[in-house]
Amino acid sequence: MTGEACNKIFVQSIEDYHKYDNINQTIENPHAERSFKSLLYQKNWIDTVQWHLEDIVRDPNIAPDEGMKIKRRIDRSNQERTDLVEQLDDVYLAQFRNVVPKDSARLNTESPAWVLDRMSILCLKIYHMHEQVERTDVNQDHMARCRAKLEILQEQQQDLTKSFDEMLEDIEQGSKYMKVYRQMKMYNDDTLNPILYGKES
Protein backbone atom coordinates (compact mmCIF):
# COMPACT_ATOMS: atom_id res chain seq x y z
CA MET A 1 0.00 0.00 0.00
CA THR A 2 1.18 3.50 -0.77
CA GLY A 3 1.59 6.07 1.94
CA GLU A 4 -1.38 8.01 0.59
CA ALA A 5 -3.58 4.90 0.82
CA CYS A 6 -2.49 4.45 4.44
CA ASN A 7 -3.31 8.10 5.19
CA LYS A 8 -6.81 7.60 3.80
CA ILE A 9 -7.41 4.77 6.26
CA PHE A 10 -6.10 6.91 9.12
CA VAL A 11 -8.43 9.75 8.12
CA GLN A 12 -11.34 7.32 7.86
CA SER A 13 -10.69 6.15 11.42
CA ILE A 14 -10.45 9.72 12.72
CA GLU A 15 -13.69 10.74 11.05
CA ASP A 16 -15.46 7.61 12.27
CA TYR A 17 -14.33 8.30 15.84
CA HIS A 18 -15.59 11.89 15.70
CA LYS A 19 -19.07 10.74 14.73
CA TYR A 20 -19.31 9.83 18.43
CA ASP A 21 -16.39 11.75 20.01
CA ASN A 22 -16.50 9.31 22.89
CA ILE A 23 -13.40 7.69 24.38
CA ASN A 24 -15.49 4.66 25.35
CA GLN A 25 -16.97 4.11 21.89
CA THR A 26 -16.43 0.55 20.66
CA ILE A 27 -14.37 0.36 17.49
CA GLU A 28 -16.31 -0.78 14.42
CA ASN A 29 -13.49 -1.69 12.07
CA PRO A 30 -14.84 -1.72 8.49
CA HIS A 31 -11.95 -3.75 7.08
CA ALA A 32 -11.51 -7.50 6.85
CA GLU A 33 -10.34 -8.98 10.14
CA ARG A 34 -6.54 -9.37 10.43
CA SER A 35 -6.01 -7.61 7.10
CA PHE A 36 -3.32 -4.95 6.77
CA LYS A 37 -6.01 -2.29 6.34
CA SER A 38 -7.68 -3.51 9.52
CA LEU A 39 -4.41 -3.17 11.44
CA LEU A 40 -3.93 0.38 10.13
CA TYR A 41 -7.48 1.36 11.11
CA GLN A 42 -7.09 -0.18 14.56
CA LYS A 43 -3.73 1.53 15.02
CA ASN A 44 -5.17 4.96 14.31
CA TRP A 45 -8.26 4.33 16.43
CA ILE A 46 -5.96 3.70 19.39
CA ASP A 47 -4.07 6.91 18.58
CA THR A 48 -7.29 8.88 18.29
CA VAL A 49 -8.72 7.68 21.59
CA GLN A 50 -5.38 8.36 23.27
CA TRP A 51 -5.29 11.87 21.80
CA HIS A 52 -8.51 12.65 23.65
CA LEU A 53 -7.39 10.90 26.82
CA GLU A 54 -4.33 13.15 26.82
CA ASP A 55 -6.65 16.18 26.57
CA ILE A 56 -8.86 14.98 29.41
CA VAL A 57 -6.04 14.21 31.83
CA ARG A 58 -4.78 17.80 31.47
CA ASP A 59 -7.99 19.25 32.86
CA PRO A 60 -6.77 21.28 35.89
CA ASN A 61 -10.02 20.44 37.68
CA ILE A 62 -9.92 16.68 37.16
CA ALA A 63 -10.33 14.67 40.35
CA PRO A 64 -7.07 12.94 41.34
CA ASP A 65 -8.62 9.46 41.29
CA GLU A 66 -10.08 10.06 37.84
CA GLY A 67 -6.79 11.49 36.62
CA MET A 68 -4.94 8.37 37.79
CA LYS A 69 -7.48 6.13 36.03
CA ILE A 70 -6.93 8.05 32.80
CA LYS A 71 -3.14 7.93 33.23
CA ARG A 72 -3.23 4.15 33.64
CA ARG A 73 -5.49 3.86 30.63
CA ILE A 74 -2.95 5.91 28.62
CA ASP A 75 -0.22 3.50 29.75
CA ARG A 76 -2.26 0.55 28.48
CA SER A 77 -2.97 2.41 25.27
CA ASN A 78 0.73 3.05 24.70
CA GLN A 79 1.40 -0.68 25.06
CA GLU A 80 -1.41 -1.51 22.61
CA ARG A 81 -0.04 1.06 20.17
CA THR A 82 3.45 -0.45 20.37
CA ASP A 83 2.06 -3.96 19.89
CA LEU A 84 0.16 -2.82 16.78
CA VAL A 85 3.25 -1.19 15.29
CA GLU A 86 5.17 -4.41 15.77
CA GLN A 87 2.39 -6.40 14.09
CA LEU A 88 2.59 -4.05 11.11
CA ASP A 89 6.35 -4.48 10.96
CA ASP A 90 5.88 -8.25 10.97
CA VAL A 91 3.88 -7.82 7.77
CA TYR A 92 6.72 -5.89 6.16
CA LEU A 93 9.31 -8.41 7.34
CA ALA A 94 7.31 -11.14 5.62
CA GLN A 95 6.83 -9.02 2.51
CA PHE A 96 10.57 -8.40 2.08
CA ARG A 97 11.89 -11.71 3.41
CA ASN A 98 13.17 -12.83 -0.01
CA VAL A 99 14.85 -9.55 -0.92
CA VAL A 100 18.64 -9.81 -0.97
CA PRO A 101 20.13 -6.45 0.05
CA LYS A 102 22.90 -5.05 -2.11
CA ASP A 103 26.37 -4.87 -0.61
CA SER A 104 25.97 -1.11 -0.52
CA ALA A 105 22.52 -1.28 1.17
CA ARG A 106 22.04 0.99 4.16
CA LEU A 107 19.88 0.61 7.22
CA ASN A 108 17.04 3.08 7.65
CA THR A 109 16.74 4.83 11.01
CA GLU A 110 13.13 3.69 11.37
CA SER A 111 11.22 0.59 10.38
CA PRO A 112 8.26 1.06 8.00
CA ALA A 113 5.68 0.67 10.75
CA TRP A 114 7.24 3.32 12.97
CA VAL A 115 7.03 5.71 10.02
CA LEU A 116 3.35 4.75 9.75
CA ASP A 117 3.04 5.60 13.44
CA ARG A 118 4.27 9.12 12.72
CA MET A 119 1.94 9.39 9.73
CA SER A 120 -1.04 8.37 11.86
CA ILE A 121 -0.24 11.04 14.45
CA LEU A 122 0.23 13.63 11.71
CA CYS A 123 -3.27 12.91 10.41
CA LEU A 124 -4.58 13.57 13.92
CA LYS A 125 -2.62 16.81 14.22
CA ILE A 126 -3.97 18.00 10.88
CA TYR A 127 -7.56 17.11 11.81
CA HIS A 128 -7.44 18.95 15.11
CA MET A 129 -5.49 21.94 13.80
CA HIS A 130 -8.13 22.26 11.07
CA GLU A 131 -10.73 22.39 13.84
CA GLN A 132 -8.84 25.31 15.38
CA VAL A 133 -8.79 27.18 12.07
CA GLU A 134 -12.57 26.88 11.84
CA ARG A 135 -13.34 28.04 15.39
CA THR A 136 -15.66 31.05 15.64
CA ASP A 137 -14.92 31.89 19.29
CA VAL A 138 -11.33 33.04 18.80
CA ASN A 139 -9.67 36.15 17.40
CA GLN A 140 -8.02 36.50 14.00
CA ASP A 141 -4.52 36.19 15.44
CA HIS A 142 -5.31 32.76 16.84
CA MET A 143 -6.80 31.66 13.53
CA ALA A 144 -3.80 32.99 11.59
CA ARG A 145 -1.33 31.17 13.84
CA CYS A 146 -3.27 27.94 13.51
CA ARG A 147 -3.56 28.34 9.75
CA ALA A 148 0.23 28.73 9.49
CA LYS A 149 0.73 25.64 11.66
CA LEU A 150 -1.75 23.70 9.54
CA GLU A 151 0.18 24.53 6.38
CA ILE A 152 3.40 23.27 7.97
CA LEU A 153 1.71 20.06 9.11
CA GLN A 154 0.32 19.47 5.61
CA GLU A 155 3.75 20.02 4.08
CA GLN A 156 5.26 17.65 6.61
CA GLN A 157 2.62 15.06 5.72
CA GLN A 158 3.46 15.32 2.03
CA ASP A 159 7.18 14.93 2.72
CA LEU A 160 6.77 12.03 5.12
CA THR A 161 4.34 10.21 2.83
CA LYS A 162 6.74 10.57 -0.10
CA SER A 163 9.69 9.43 2.02
CA PHE A 164 7.70 6.40 3.20
CA ASP A 165 7.00 5.32 -0.38
CA GLU A 166 10.64 5.85 -1.34
CA MET A 167 11.81 3.81 1.66
CA LEU A 168 9.61 0.85 0.71
CA GLU A 169 10.84 1.08 -2.88
CA ASP A 170 14.46 1.15 -1.71
CA ILE A 171 13.93 -1.89 0.53
CA GLU A 172 12.22 -3.78 -2.30
CA GLN A 173 15.12 -2.99 -4.62
CA GLY A 174 17.74 -3.93 -2.05
CA SER A 175 19.14 -0.40 -1.72
CA LYS A 176 18.08 -0.35 1.93
CA TYR A 177 17.24 -3.09 4.37
CA MET A 178 14.87 -3.10 7.30
CA LYS A 179 15.65 -4.26 10.78
CA VAL A 180 13.18 -4.42 13.63
CA TYR A 181 14.07 -3.90 17.26
CA ARG A 182 11.22 -4.77 19.59
CA GLN A 183 10.48 -1.93 21.98
CA MET A 184 10.77 -4.10 25.10
CA LYS A 185 8.91 -1.57 27.23
CA MET A 186 9.66 -2.20 30.89
CA TYR A 187 7.18 -0.08 32.85
CA ASN A 188 4.17 -2.31 32.11
CA ASP A 189 6.04 -5.56 32.80
CA ASP A 190 5.63 -6.80 36.37
CA THR A 191 8.88 -8.75 36.05
CA LEU A 192 10.93 -5.72 34.96
CA ASN A 193 9.42 -2.71 36.73
CA PRO A 194 10.93 -2.70 40.27
CA ILE A 195 7.86 -1.01 41.69
CA LEU A 196 5.70 -3.86 40.40
CA TYR A 197 7.90 -6.83 41.18
CA GLY A 198 8.93 -5.29 44.48
CA LYS A 199 5.33 -5.33 45.64
CA GLU A 200 5.11 -9.05 44.98
CA SER A 201 7.98 -9.89 47.32
C-alpha atoms as a PDB file:
ATOM      1  CA  MET A   1       0.000   0.000   0.000  1.00  0.00           C
ATOM      2  CA  THR A   2       1.175   3.496  -0.773  1.00  0.00           C
ATOM      3  CA  GLY A   3       1.588   6.073   1.940  1.00  0.00           C
ATOM      4  CA  GLU A   4      -1.378   8.007   0.592  1.00  0.00           C
ATOM      5  CA  ALA A   5      -3.581   4.897   0.818  1.00  0.00           C
ATOM      6  CA  CYS A   6      -2.491   4.449   4.443  1.00  0.00           C
ATOM      7  CA  ASN A   7      -3.307   8.096   5.188  1.00  0.00           C
ATOM      8  CA  LYS A   8      -6.814   7.605   3.801  1.00  0.00           C
ATOM      9  CA  ILE A   9      -7.409   4.769   6.264  1.00  0.00           C
ATOM     10  CA  PHE A  10      -6.101   6.906   9.122  1.00  0.00           C
ATOM     11  CA  VAL A  11      -8.429   9.749   8.121  1.00  0.00           C
ATOM     12  CA  GLN A  12     -11.343   7.316   7.857  1.00  0.00           C
ATOM     13  CA  SER A  13     -10.688   6.149  11.420  1.00  0.00           C
ATOM     14  CA  ILE A  14     -10.449   9.719  12.721  1.00  0.00           C
ATOM     15  CA  GLU A  15     -13.685  10.741  11.046  1.00  0.00           C
ATOM     16  CA  ASP A  16     -15.462   7.608  12.271  1.00  0.00           C
ATOM     17  CA  TYR A  17     -14.331   8.301  15.844  1.00  0.00           C
ATOM     18  CA  HIS A  18     -15.593  11.886  15.695  1.00  0.00           C
ATOM     19  CA  LYS A  19     -19.074  10.743  14.734  1.00  0.00           C
ATOM     20  CA  TYR A  20     -19.307   9.830  18.427  1.00  0.00           C
ATOM     21  CA  ASP A  21     -16.391  11.752  20.009  1.00  0.00           C
ATOM     22  CA  ASN A  22     -16.500   9.309  22.895  1.00  0.00           C
ATOM     23  CA  ILE A  23     -13.396   7.693  24.381  1.00  0.00           C
ATOM     24  CA  ASN A  24     -15.486   4.656  25.349  1.00  0.00           C
ATOM     25  CA  GLN A  25     -16.966   4.113  21.894  1.00  0.00           C
ATOM     26  CA  THR A  26     -16.427   0.552  20.659  1.00  0.00           C
ATOM     27  CA  ILE A  27     -14.372   0.356  17.489  1.00  0.00           C
ATOM     28  CA  GLU A  28     -16.307  -0.778  14.421  1.00  0.00           C
ATOM     29  CA  ASN A  29     -13.487  -1.687  12.072  1.00  0.00           C
ATOM     30  CA  PRO A  30     -14.844  -1.722   8.493  1.00  0.00           C
ATOM     31  CA  HIS A  31     -11.954  -3.751   7.075  1.00  0.00           C
ATOM     32  CA  ALA A  32     -11.514  -7.502   6.852  1.00  0.00           C
ATOM     33  CA  GLU A  33     -10.342  -8.984  10.142  1.00  0.00           C
ATOM     34  CA  ARG A  34      -6.544  -9.373  10.428  1.00  0.00           C
ATOM     35  CA  SER A  35      -6.012  -7.610   7.101  1.00  0.00           C
ATOM     36  CA  PHE A  36      -3.320  -4.949   6.767  1.00  0.00           C
ATOM     37  CA  LYS A  37      -6.010  -2.291   6.342  1.00  0.00           C
ATOM     38  CA  SER A  38      -7.681  -3.514   9.515  1.00  0.00           C
ATOM     39  CA  LEU A  39      -4.414  -3.169  11.443  1.00  0.00           C
ATOM     40  CA  LEU A  40      -3.935   0.380  10.129  1.00  0.00           C
ATOM     41  CA  TYR A  41      -7.477   1.355  11.106  1.00  0.00           C
ATOM     42  CA  GLN A  42      -7.088  -0.177  14.561  1.00  0.00           C
ATOM     43  CA  LYS A  43      -3.726   1.533  15.024  1.00  0.00           C
ATOM     44  CA  ASN A  44      -5.169   4.958  14.309  1.00  0.00           C
ATOM     45  CA  TRP A  45      -8.256   4.326  16.426  1.00  0.00           C
ATOM     46  CA  ILE A  46      -5.959   3.696  19.395  1.00  0.00           C
ATOM     47  CA  ASP A  47      -4.068   6.905  18.581  1.00  0.00           C
ATOM     48  CA  THR A  48      -7.287   8.880  18.290  1.00  0.00           C
ATOM     49  CA  VAL A  49      -8.718   7.681  21.594  1.00  0.00           C
ATOM     50  CA  GLN A  50      -5.384   8.356  23.272  1.00  0.00           C
ATOM     51  CA  TRP A  51      -5.287  11.874  21.799  1.00  0.00           C
ATOM     52  CA  HIS A  52      -8.513  12.646  23.646  1.00  0.00           C
ATOM     53  CA  LEU A  53      -7.394  10.896  26.825  1.00  0.00           C
ATOM     54  CA  GLU A  54      -4.335  13.151  26.823  1.00  0.00           C
ATOM     55  CA  ASP A  55      -6.647  16.181  26.568  1.00  0.00           C
ATOM     56  CA  ILE A  56      -8.864  14.979  29.407  1.00  0.00           C
ATOM     57  CA  VAL A  57      -6.037  14.206  31.826  1.00  0.00           C
ATOM     58  CA  ARG A  58      -4.776  17.802  31.473  1.00  0.00           C
ATOM     59  CA  ASP A  59      -7.993  19.254  32.855  1.00  0.00           C
ATOM     60  CA  PRO A  60      -6.768  21.275  35.894  1.00  0.00           C
ATOM     61  CA  ASN A  61     -10.022  20.443  37.684  1.00  0.00           C
ATOM     62  CA  ILE A  62      -9.922  16.685  37.159  1.00  0.00           C
ATOM     63  CA  ALA A  63     -10.333  14.666  40.347  1.00  0.00           C
ATOM     64  CA  PRO A  64      -7.066  12.942  41.339  1.00  0.00           C
ATOM     65  CA  ASP A  65      -8.616   9.462  41.286  1.00  0.00           C
ATOM     66  CA  GLU A  66     -10.082  10.059  37.844  1.00  0.00           C
ATOM     67  CA  GLY A  67      -6.785  11.487  36.619  1.00  0.00           C
ATOM     68  CA  MET A  68      -4.940   8.374  37.788  1.00  0.00           C
ATOM     69  CA  LYS A  69      -7.482   6.133  36.033  1.00  0.00           C
ATOM     70  CA  ILE A  70      -6.927   8.052  32.804  1.00  0.00           C
ATOM     71  CA  LYS A  71      -3.141   7.926  33.229  1.00  0.00           C
ATOM     72  CA  ARG A  72      -3.234   4.147  33.642  1.00  0.00           C
ATOM     73  CA  ARG A  73      -5.487   3.863  30.627  1.00  0.00           C
ATOM     74  CA  ILE A  74      -2.952   5.914  28.623  1.00  0.00           C
ATOM     75  CA  ASP A  75      -0.216   3.500  29.749  1.00  0.00           C
ATOM     76  CA  ARG A  76      -2.261   0.548  28.484  1.00  0.00           C
ATOM     77  CA  SER A  77      -2.969   2.412  25.268  1.00  0.00           C
ATOM     78  CA  ASN A  78       0.735   3.051  24.704  1.00  0.00           C
ATOM     79  CA  GLN A  79       1.404  -0.678  25.057  1.00  0.00           C
ATOM     80  CA  GLU A  80      -1.411  -1.513  22.605  1.00  0.00           C
ATOM     81  CA  ARG A  81      -0.044   1.061  20.173  1.00  0.00           C
ATOM     82  CA  THR A  82       3.446  -0.446  20.365  1.00  0.00           C
ATOM     83  CA  ASP A  83       2.057  -3.957  19.885  1.00  0.00           C
ATOM     84  CA  LEU A  84       0.156  -2.817  16.780  1.00  0.00           C
ATOM     85  CA  VAL A  85       3.245  -1.191  15.295  1.00  0.00           C
ATOM     86  CA  GLU A  86       5.174  -4.408  15.773  1.00  0.00           C
ATOM     87  CA  GLN A  87       2.389  -6.397  14.092  1.00  0.00           C
ATOM     88  CA  LEU A  88       2.587  -4.051  11.110  1.00  0.00           C
ATOM     89  CA  ASP A  89       6.348  -4.477  10.960  1.00  0.00           C
ATOM     90  CA  ASP A  90       5.882  -8.251  10.969  1.00  0.00           C
ATOM     91  CA  VAL A  91       3.875  -7.824   7.765  1.00  0.00           C
ATOM     92  CA  TYR A  92       6.723  -5.887   6.157  1.00  0.00           C
ATOM     93  CA  LEU A  93       9.315  -8.408   7.342  1.00  0.00           C
ATOM     94  CA  ALA A  94       7.307 -11.140   5.624  1.00  0.00           C
ATOM     95  CA  GLN A  95       6.833  -9.019   2.510  1.00  0.00           C
ATOM     96  CA  PHE A  96      10.566  -8.399   2.080  1.00  0.00           C
ATOM     97  CA  ARG A  97      11.891 -11.705   3.411  1.00  0.00           C
ATOM     98  CA  ASN A  98      13.165 -12.827  -0.005  1.00  0.00           C
ATOM     99  CA  VAL A  99      14.847  -9.545  -0.916  1.00  0.00           C
ATOM    100  CA  VAL A 100      18.639  -9.812  -0.974  1.00  0.00           C
ATOM    101  CA  PRO A 101      20.127  -6.446   0.046  1.00  0.00           C
ATOM    102  CA  LYS A 102      22.902  -5.054  -2.112  1.00  0.00           C
ATOM    103  CA  ASP A 103      26.372  -4.874  -0.611  1.00  0.00           C
ATOM    104  CA  SER A 104      25.965  -1.112  -0.517  1.00  0.00           C
ATOM    105  CA  ALA A 105      22.524  -1.281   1.169  1.00  0.00           C
ATOM    106  CA  ARG A 106      22.043   0.988   4.162  1.00  0.00           C
ATOM    107  CA  LEU A 107      19.875   0.608   7.216  1.00  0.00           C
ATOM    108  CA  ASN A 108      17.042   3.079   7.648  1.00  0.00           C
ATOM    109  CA  THR A 109      16.740   4.832  11.006  1.00  0.00           C
ATOM    110  CA  GLU A 110      13.126   3.685  11.372  1.00  0.00           C
ATOM    111  CA  SER A 111      11.219   0.587  10.381  1.00  0.00           C
ATOM    112  CA  PRO A 112       8.256   1.059   8.003  1.00  0.00           C
ATOM    113  CA  ALA A 113       5.676   0.666  10.747  1.00  0.00           C
ATOM    114  CA  TRP A 114       7.239   3.316  12.969  1.00  0.00           C
ATOM    115  CA  VAL A 115       7.030   5.706  10.019  1.00  0.00           C
ATOM    116  CA  LEU A 116       3.352   4.754   9.748  1.00  0.00           C
ATOM    117  CA  ASP A 117       3.037   5.600  13.438  1.00  0.00           C
ATOM    118  CA  ARG A 118       4.270   9.119  12.718  1.00  0.00           C
ATOM    119  CA  MET A 119       1.940   9.387   9.725  1.00  0.00           C
ATOM    120  CA  SER A 120      -1.036   8.366  11.863  1.00  0.00           C
ATOM    121  CA  ILE A 121      -0.239  11.040  14.451  1.00  0.00           C
ATOM    122  CA  LEU A 122       0.227  13.626  11.710  1.00  0.00           C
ATOM    123  CA  CYS A 123      -3.266  12.908  10.415  1.00  0.00           C
ATOM    124  CA  LEU A 124      -4.579  13.565  13.916  1.00  0.00           C
ATOM    125  CA  LYS A 125      -2.620  16.809  14.225  1.00  0.00           C
ATOM    126  CA  ILE A 126      -3.975  17.998  10.881  1.00  0.00           C
ATOM    127  CA  TYR A 127      -7.557  17.113  11.806  1.00  0.00           C
ATOM    128  CA  HIS A 128      -7.442  18.951  15.111  1.00  0.00           C
ATOM    129  CA  MET A 129      -5.492  21.940  13.799  1.00  0.00           C
ATOM    130  CA  HIS A 130      -8.126  22.263  11.068  1.00  0.00           C
ATOM    131  CA  GLU A 131     -10.732  22.393  13.843  1.00  0.00           C
ATOM    132  CA  GLN A 132      -8.840  25.311  15.379  1.00  0.00           C
ATOM    133  CA  VAL A 133      -8.789  27.176  12.074  1.00  0.00           C
ATOM    134  CA  GLU A 134     -12.570  26.878  11.840  1.00  0.00           C
ATOM    135  CA  ARG A 135     -13.343  28.045  15.386  1.00  0.00           C
ATOM    136  CA  THR A 136     -15.659  31.047  15.637  1.00  0.00           C
ATOM    137  CA  ASP A 137     -14.924  31.889  19.288  1.00  0.00           C
ATOM    138  CA  VAL A 138     -11.327  33.043  18.797  1.00  0.00           C
ATOM    139  CA  ASN A 139      -9.666  36.148  17.399  1.00  0.00           C
ATOM    140  CA  GLN A 140      -8.023  36.504  14.003  1.00  0.00           C
ATOM    141  CA  ASP A 141      -4.515  36.187  15.444  1.00  0.00           C
ATOM    142  CA  HIS A 142      -5.314  32.755  16.835  1.00  0.00           C
ATOM    143  CA  MET A 143      -6.798  31.664  13.527  1.00  0.00           C
ATOM    144  CA  ALA A 144      -3.797  32.987  11.590  1.00  0.00           C
ATOM    145  CA  ARG A 145      -1.327  31.170  13.839  1.00  0.00           C
ATOM    146  CA  CYS A 146      -3.267  27.942  13.514  1.00  0.00           C
ATOM    147  CA  ARG A 147      -3.555  28.342   9.745  1.00  0.00           C
ATOM    148  CA  ALA A 148       0.228  28.734   9.495  1.00  0.00           C
ATOM    149  CA  LYS A 149       0.732  25.636  11.656  1.00  0.00           C
ATOM    150  CA  LEU A 150      -1.753  23.701   9.544  1.00  0.00           C
ATOM    151  CA  GLU A 151       0.177  24.526   6.382  1.00  0.00           C
ATOM    152  CA  ILE A 152       3.398  23.268   7.968  1.00  0.00           C
ATOM    153  CA  LEU A 153       1.710  20.056   9.110  1.00  0.00           C
ATOM    154  CA  GLN A 154       0.324  19.466   5.609  1.00  0.00           C
ATOM    155  CA  GLU A 155       3.750  20.017   4.079  1.00  0.00           C
ATOM    156  CA  GLN A 156       5.257  17.648   6.611  1.00  0.00           C
ATOM    157  CA  GLN A 157       2.615  15.064   5.721  1.00  0.00           C
ATOM    158  CA  GLN A 158       3.456  15.319   2.027  1.00  0.00           C
ATOM    159  CA  ASP A 159       7.178  14.933   2.722  1.00  0.00           C
ATOM    160  CA  LEU A 160       6.765  12.026   5.124  1.00  0.00           C
ATOM    161  CA  THR A 161       4.340  10.206   2.826  1.00  0.00           C
ATOM    162  CA  LYS A 162       6.740  10.571  -0.098  1.00  0.00           C
ATOM    163  CA  SER A 163       9.692   9.428   2.023  1.00  0.00           C
ATOM    164  CA  PHE A 164       7.699   6.401   3.203  1.00  0.00           C
ATOM    165  CA  ASP A 165       7.000   5.325  -0.382  1.00  0.00           C
ATOM    166  CA  GLU A 166      10.638   5.847  -1.345  1.00  0.00           C
ATOM    167  CA  MET A 167      11.806   3.812   1.659  1.00  0.00           C
ATOM    168  CA  LEU A 168       9.611   0.852   0.706  1.00  0.00           C
ATOM    169  CA  GLU A 169      10.843   1.079  -2.878  1.00  0.00           C
ATOM    170  CA  ASP A 170      14.460   1.152  -1.706  1.00  0.00           C
ATOM    171  CA  ILE A 171      13.934  -1.893   0.529  1.00  0.00           C
ATOM    172  CA  GLU A 172      12.223  -3.780  -2.297  1.00  0.00           C
ATOM    173  CA  GLN A 173      15.121  -2.990  -4.620  1.00  0.00           C
ATOM    174  CA  GLY A 174      17.741  -3.928  -2.045  1.00  0.00           C
ATOM    175  CA  SER A 175      19.140  -0.405  -1.723  1.00  0.00           C
ATOM    176  CA  LYS A 176      18.082  -0.352   1.926  1.00  0.00           C
ATOM    177  CA  TYR A 177      17.242  -3.088   4.368  1.00  0.00           C
ATOM    178  CA  MET A 178      14.875  -3.101   7.302  1.00  0.00           C
ATOM    179  CA  LYS A 179      15.653  -4.259  10.783  1.00  0.00           C
ATOM    180  CA  VAL A 180      13.178  -4.419  13.627  1.00  0.00           C
ATOM    181  CA  TYR A 181      14.072  -3.900  17.259  1.00  0.00           C
ATOM    182  CA  ARG A 182      11.216  -4.768  19.589  1.00  0.00           C
ATOM    183  CA  GLN A 183      10.483  -1.926  21.982  1.00  0.00           C
ATOM    184  CA  MET A 184      10.765  -4.099  25.100  1.00  0.00           C
ATOM    185  CA  LYS A 185       8.907  -1.566  27.225  1.00  0.00           C
ATOM    186  CA  MET A 186       9.656  -2.197  30.886  1.00  0.00           C
ATOM    187  CA  TYR A 187       7.184  -0.083  32.846  1.00  0.00           C
ATOM    188  CA  ASN A 188       4.170  -2.308  32.115  1.00  0.00           C
ATOM    189  CA  ASP A 189       6.038  -5.565  32.797  1.00  0.00           C
ATOM    190  CA  ASP A 190       5.632  -6.802  36.375  1.00  0.00           C
ATOM    191  CA  THR A 191       8.879  -8.753  36.046  1.00  0.00           C
ATOM    192  CA  LEU A 192      10.933  -5.722  34.956  1.00  0.00           C
ATOM    193  CA  ASN A 193       9.424  -2.707  36.732  1.00  0.00           C
ATOM    194  CA  PRO A 194      10.935  -2.705  40.267  1.00  0.00           C
ATOM    195  CA  ILE A 195       7.857  -1.006  41.689  1.00  0.00           C
ATOM    196  CA  LEU A 196       5.699  -3.858  40.404  1.00  0.00           C
ATOM    197  CA  TYR A 197       7.901  -6.833  41.177  1.00  0.00           C
ATOM    198  CA  GLY A 198       8.934  -5.286  44.481  1.00  0.00           C
ATOM    199  CA  LYS A 199       5.327  -5.332  45.637  1.00  0.00           C
ATOM    200  CA  GLU A 200       5.112  -9.053  44.977  1.00  0.00           C
ATOM    201  CA  SER A 201       7.976  -9.885  47.320  1.00  0.00           C
END
